[in-house]
Amino acid sequence: MTILLIEDEPLIARQLLKLVRELEPGAVIDGPLASVQGICDYFTQNRQTGRPAPDLVISDIQLSDGVSFEAFRQIQLVSPIIFTTAYDEYAIRAFKLNSLDYLLKPIDPEELKAALTKFHRWSRNDTTDFGDQFRNFLSQLTEQSPTNQYKRRFLGHYLRQIISVPQEQVAYFLRNELIYLVTNEGKKLVADYKTLDELDELVDPARFFRVNRQCLVSIDAVAGYRPHDSQKLLVCLKSPNDKLELLVSKEKANLFRQWLEG
């Protein structure tokens, strides 16, 4: 049996790898993969080499360069998936539809053991085409999340006021202990969000891009980019007074170029 692990947090990935090895000592474990692009590359290489798809995928949702659903929309998925997530919202919205199981982080070893037991029971008794199931799930998820449901206004604290900022006036969100909303005029507000991952689920992906773990930038704030060391990209902001240095990793560089091109 081959199990593919998808997790972008190094510490969590190591813990998950250790747990799976303990619970499934006879399994071949691929990964952990950490990005949407990495998932696409993995399955593309499998097809090119004639290697069968993994028997099971254990996948995080929010990855370094986007949401894992983005990759699963691009590949012809035939493997059952156990999802992992730090957010109940994803679980409620998604996993009760067609996924094999989901685990909330931090992952409890007993819950992972139960999920693997469920997989073995399913694989012995269920003849359903999981690929068709999951494609149906993605279709339902898309129907449930039309672009007109993306958040279009954001609240922020400035001095002693709470200000409502339309998405067109947001330059970027920045994590620096707190989550800050920075406007096109350079005004810095404290946003009412705990993490950028939470924001990443709410914003329109055509308008906002998760440049790195610290910043979610608006396309209206980006003037362009230039090459940086090690195949990274340096984002050039439109505001000449904004000294923030935004670096896009080489793993996300192609996705950033595609996003900027529309």
Protein backbone atom coordinates (compact mmCIF):
# COMPACT_ATOMS: atom_id res chain seq x y z
CA MET A 1 0.00 0.00 0.00
CA THR A 2 1.20 3.50 -0.87
CA ILE A 3 0.16 6.53 1.19
CA LEU A 4 0.77 10.08 -0.03
CA LEU A 5 1.17 12.75 2.66
CA ILE A 6 0.45 16.42 1.90
CA GLU A 7 1.38 18.91 4.64
CA ASP A 8 3.26 22.22 4.38
CA GLU A 9 4.10 22.78 8.07
CA PRO A 10 7.48 21.03 8.61
CA LEU A 11 6.92 20.14 12.26
CA ILE A 12 3.41 18.80 11.64
CA ALA A 13 4.67 16.93 8.56
CA ARG A 14 7.35 15.17 10.62
CA GLN A 15 4.85 14.25 13.32
CA LEU A 16 2.35 12.97 10.77
CA LEU A 17 5.02 10.94 9.00
CA LYS A 18 6.06 9.36 12.31
CA LEU A 19 2.45 8.52 13.21
CA VAL A 20 1.65 6.95 9.85
CA ARG A 21 4.82 4.86 9.95
CA GLU A 22 3.84 3.58 13.38
CA LEU A 23 0.26 2.81 12.38
CA GLU A 24 1.01 1.45 8.89
CA PRO A 25 4.51 -0.09 9.14
CA GLY A 26 4.10 -2.00 5.87
CA ALA A 27 3.08 1.01 3.78
CA VAL A 28 5.23 2.90 1.29
CA ILE A 29 4.95 6.58 2.18
CA ASP A 30 5.39 9.31 -0.43
CA GLY A 31 5.91 12.95 0.47
CA PRO A 32 5.22 14.95 2.46
CA LEU A 33 4.34 17.37 -0.35
CA ALA A 34 3.96 21.01 0.67
CA SER A 35 2.32 22.84 -2.24
CA VAL A 36 -0.39 22.81 -4.89
CA GLN A 37 2.32 22.75 -7.54
CA GLY A 38 4.02 19.83 -5.82
CA ILE A 39 0.79 17.81 -5.92
CA CYS A 40 0.34 18.48 -9.63
CA ASP A 41 3.97 17.56 -10.36
CA TYR A 42 3.67 14.33 -8.34
CA PHE A 43 0.62 13.06 -10.22
CA THR A 44 1.99 14.21 -13.58
CA GLN A 45 5.20 12.26 -12.97
CA ASN A 46 3.19 9.21 -11.87
CA ARG A 47 1.25 9.26 -15.13
CA GLN A 48 4.38 9.71 -17.22
CA THR A 49 6.17 6.80 -15.54
CA GLY A 50 3.12 4.53 -15.42
CA ARG A 51 3.21 4.36 -11.65
CA PRO A 52 -0.20 3.67 -10.06
CA ALA A 53 -1.92 6.32 -7.98
CA PRO A 54 -1.44 6.09 -4.20
CA ASP A 55 -3.91 3.90 -2.36
CA LEU A 56 -4.62 6.68 0.12
CA VAL A 57 -3.93 10.42 0.38
CA ILE A 58 -3.71 12.24 3.72
CA SER A 59 -3.93 15.90 2.82
CA ASP A 60 -3.87 19.26 4.53
CA ILE A 61 -6.12 21.87 2.91
CA GLN A 62 -4.32 25.19 3.30
CA LEU A 63 -0.88 24.83 1.68
CA SER A 64 2.02 27.19 1.08
CA ASP A 65 0.75 28.28 -2.35
CA GLY A 66 -3.00 27.87 -2.03
CA VAL A 67 -5.71 25.36 -1.19
CA SER A 68 -5.21 21.68 -2.02
CA PHE A 69 -8.60 21.65 -3.76
CA GLU A 70 -6.93 23.66 -6.52
CA ALA A 71 -4.66 20.71 -7.32
CA PHE A 72 -7.43 18.13 -7.01
CA ARG A 73 -9.43 20.07 -9.58
CA GLN A 74 -6.56 19.71 -12.06
CA ILE A 75 -5.76 16.02 -11.68
CA GLN A 76 -7.86 12.95 -12.34
CA LEU A 77 -8.13 11.86 -8.73
CA VAL A 78 -8.91 8.19 -8.07
CA SER A 79 -7.52 7.87 -4.53
CA PRO A 80 -9.55 8.24 -1.33
CA ILE A 81 -8.51 11.14 0.88
CA ILE A 82 -8.35 11.77 4.60
CA PHE A 83 -8.29 15.54 5.01
CA THR A 84 -6.61 17.43 7.82
CA THR A 85 -7.47 21.01 8.73
CA ALA A 86 -7.16 23.52 11.54
CA TYR A 87 -10.55 25.01 10.74
CA ASP A 88 -14.02 23.67 11.52
CA GLU A 89 -15.44 25.83 8.74
CA TYR A 90 -13.74 23.72 6.07
CA ALA A 91 -14.84 20.52 7.75
CA ILE A 92 -18.47 21.52 7.94
CA ARG A 93 -18.59 22.91 4.41
CA ALA A 94 -16.65 20.19 2.66
CA PHE A 95 -15.88 16.91 4.29
CA LYS A 96 -19.35 15.68 5.12
CA LEU A 97 -20.07 15.49 1.40
CA ASN A 98 -17.87 12.80 -0.13
CA SER A 99 -14.49 12.59 1.57
CA LEU A 100 -13.44 9.43 3.39
CA ASP A 101 -12.74 11.28 6.64
CA TYR A 102 -11.29 14.46 8.11
CA LEU A 103 -9.14 15.22 11.12
CA LEU A 104 -8.91 18.52 12.96
CA LYS A 105 -5.45 19.69 13.96
CA PRO A 106 -3.62 19.01 16.15
CA ILE A 107 -4.04 15.45 14.94
CA ASP A 108 -4.92 12.97 17.65
CA PRO A 109 -3.16 9.60 17.13
CA GLU A 110 -6.31 7.68 18.06
CA GLU A 111 -8.38 9.64 15.56
CA LEU A 112 -5.83 8.98 12.84
CA LYS A 113 -5.87 5.28 13.75
CA ALA A 114 -9.67 5.27 13.50
CA ALA A 115 -9.53 7.02 10.11
CA LEU A 116 -7.06 4.45 8.78
CA THR A 117 -9.27 1.64 10.09
CA LYS A 118 -12.19 3.24 8.27
CA PHE A 119 -10.09 3.33 5.08
CA HIS A 120 -9.25 -0.38 5.31
CA ARG A 121 -12.88 -1.25 5.95
CA TRP A 122 -13.96 0.94 3.03
CA SER A 123 -11.35 -0.53 0.66
CA ARG A 124 -12.52 -4.09 1.43
CA ASN A 125 -16.25 -3.47 1.11
CA ASP A 126 -16.90 -0.40 -1.02
CA THR A 127 -16.88 -0.63 -4.81
CA THR A 128 -17.79 3.02 -5.38
CA ASP A 129 -15.60 4.97 -7.80
CA PHE A 130 -14.04 7.44 -5.41
CA GLY A 131 -12.73 9.53 -8.32
CA ASP A 132 -16.29 10.17 -9.49
CA GLN A 133 -17.35 10.87 -5.90
CA PHE A 134 -14.66 13.44 -5.38
CA ARG A 135 -15.21 15.18 -8.71
CA ASN A 136 -18.86 15.47 -7.70
CA PHE A 137 -17.74 16.89 -4.35
CA LEU A 138 -15.58 19.53 -6.04
CA SER A 139 -18.48 20.46 -8.27
CA GLN A 140 -20.74 20.89 -5.24
CA LEU A 141 -18.08 22.89 -3.43
CA THR A 142 -17.75 25.23 -6.39
CA GLU A 143 -21.52 25.66 -6.58
CA GLN A 144 -21.63 26.44 -2.86
CA SER A 145 -18.87 29.04 -3.09
CA PRO A 146 -19.67 31.40 -5.97
CA THR A 147 -17.46 34.45 -6.36
CA ASN A 148 -20.26 36.73 -5.18
CA GLN A 149 -19.88 35.17 -1.71
CA TYR A 150 -16.29 36.31 -1.28
CA LYS A 151 -15.86 38.95 1.39
CA ARG A 152 -15.91 42.44 -0.09
CA ARG A 153 -15.51 44.65 2.99
CA PHE A 154 -13.20 44.29 5.98
CA LEU A 155 -13.24 45.87 9.43
CA GLY A 156 -10.12 47.31 10.98
CA HIS A 157 -9.23 49.24 14.15
CA TYR A 158 -7.58 52.62 13.62
CA LEU A 159 -6.91 54.88 16.61
CA ARG A 160 -10.22 54.58 18.49
CA GLN A 161 -12.38 53.90 15.47
CA ILE A 162 -13.58 50.76 13.74
CA ILE A 163 -13.40 51.39 10.00
CA SER A 164 -15.03 49.45 7.18
CA VAL A 165 -12.66 49.09 4.22
CA PRO A 166 -13.88 47.91 0.78
CA GLN A 167 -11.68 45.32 -0.90
CA GLU A 168 -10.75 47.82 -3.63
CA GLN A 169 -8.96 49.95 -1.01
CA VAL A 170 -6.99 47.08 0.55
CA ALA A 171 -3.34 46.94 -0.54
CA TYR A 172 -2.44 43.89 1.52
CA PHE A 173 -2.91 42.02 4.79
CA LEU A 174 0.25 41.55 6.84
CA ARG A 175 0.95 39.21 9.73
CA ASN A 176 3.29 40.64 12.35
CA GLU A 177 2.11 39.18 15.66
CA LEU A 178 -1.29 40.71 14.84
CA ILE A 179 -3.00 40.76 11.43
CA TYR A 180 -2.80 44.22 9.87
CA LEU A 181 -4.84 45.63 7.00
CA VAL A 182 -2.84 48.16 4.97
CA THR A 183 -4.80 50.43 2.65
CA ASN A 184 -3.72 51.80 -0.72
CA GLU A 185 -2.99 55.10 1.02
CA GLY A 186 -0.67 53.39 3.49
CA LYS A 187 -3.01 53.50 6.49
CA LYS A 188 -2.35 50.53 8.81
CA LEU A 189 -5.32 49.06 10.68
CA VAL A 190 -5.52 46.12 13.06
CA ALA A 191 -7.80 43.54 11.39
CA ASP A 192 -10.35 41.38 13.21
CA TYR A 193 -8.79 38.07 12.16
CA LYS A 194 -6.58 35.62 14.01
CA THR A 195 -4.65 34.18 11.06
CA LEU A 196 -3.94 34.80 7.38
CA ASP A 197 -5.24 31.29 6.69
CA GLU A 198 -8.64 32.44 7.90
CA LEU A 199 -8.51 35.45 5.57
CA ASP A 200 -7.27 33.36 2.68
CA GLU A 201 -10.54 31.41 2.77
CA LEU A 202 -12.65 34.59 2.63
CA VAL A 203 -11.03 36.72 -0.08
CA ASP A 204 -11.47 36.50 -3.84
CA PRO A 205 -8.45 34.53 -5.19
CA ALA A 206 -8.63 36.53 -8.43
CA ARG A 207 -7.97 39.69 -6.42
CA PHE A 208 -5.72 38.50 -3.56
CA PHE A 209 -2.63 36.26 -3.60
CA ARG A 210 -0.91 34.64 -0.62
CA VAL A 211 2.65 35.75 -1.39
CA ASN A 212 4.11 34.04 1.68
CA ARG A 213 3.19 33.16 5.26
CA GLN A 214 3.26 36.83 6.26
CA CYS A 215 1.40 38.58 3.46
CA LEU A 216 -1.77 38.39 1.38
CA VAL A 217 -1.52 41.05 -1.36
CA SER A 218 -4.14 42.69 -3.57
CA ILE A 219 -3.60 42.70 -7.32
CA ASP A 220 -4.43 46.43 -7.36
CA ALA A 221 -1.38 47.10 -5.19
CA VAL A 222 1.07 45.22 -7.43
CA ALA A 223 2.98 47.13 -10.10
CA GLY A 224 4.97 44.09 -11.22
CA TYR A 225 7.90 41.97 -10.11
CA ARG A 226 11.55 41.33 -10.76
CA PRO A 227 13.74 38.23 -10.43
CA HIS A 228 15.43 37.65 -7.09
CA ASP A 229 18.01 35.20 -5.77
CA SER A 230 17.34 31.45 -6.06
CA GLN A 231 14.54 31.84 -8.61
CA LYS A 232 12.41 33.84 -6.21
CA LEU A 233 10.44 36.90 -7.30
CA LEU A 234 10.48 40.33 -5.66
CA VAL A 235 7.05 41.97 -5.80
CA CYS A 236 7.08 45.65 -6.79
CA LEU A 237 4.29 47.61 -5.11
CA LYS A 238 2.65 50.63 -6.72
CA SER A 239 3.13 52.87 -3.70
CA PRO A 240 6.65 54.35 -3.93
CA ASN A 241 6.60 55.00 -0.17
CA ASP A 242 5.91 51.39 0.75
CA LYS A 243 9.22 49.80 1.73
CA LEU A 244 7.78 46.35 2.40
CA GLU A 245 9.85 43.63 0.71
CA LEU A 246 7.58 40.88 -0.60
CA LEU A 247 9.35 37.76 -1.82
CA VAL A 248 7.60 34.98 -3.71
CA SER A 249 9.25 31.56 -3.33
CA LYS A 250 10.39 29.68 -6.42
CA GLU A 251 7.67 27.08 -5.73
CA LYS A 252 4.97 29.75 -6.03
CA ALA A 253 6.60 31.86 -8.73
CA ASN A 254 4.68 30.34 -11.66
CA LEU A 255 1.36 30.59 -9.83
CA PHE A 256 2.08 34.23 -9.03
CA ARG A 257 2.85 35.02 -12.68
CA GLN A 258 -0.37 33.31 -13.78
CA TRP A 259 -2.38 35.19 -11.15
CA LEU A 260 -0.88 38.54 -12.19
CA GLU A 261 -1.66 37.82 -15.85
CA GLY A 262 -5.29 37.13 -14.93
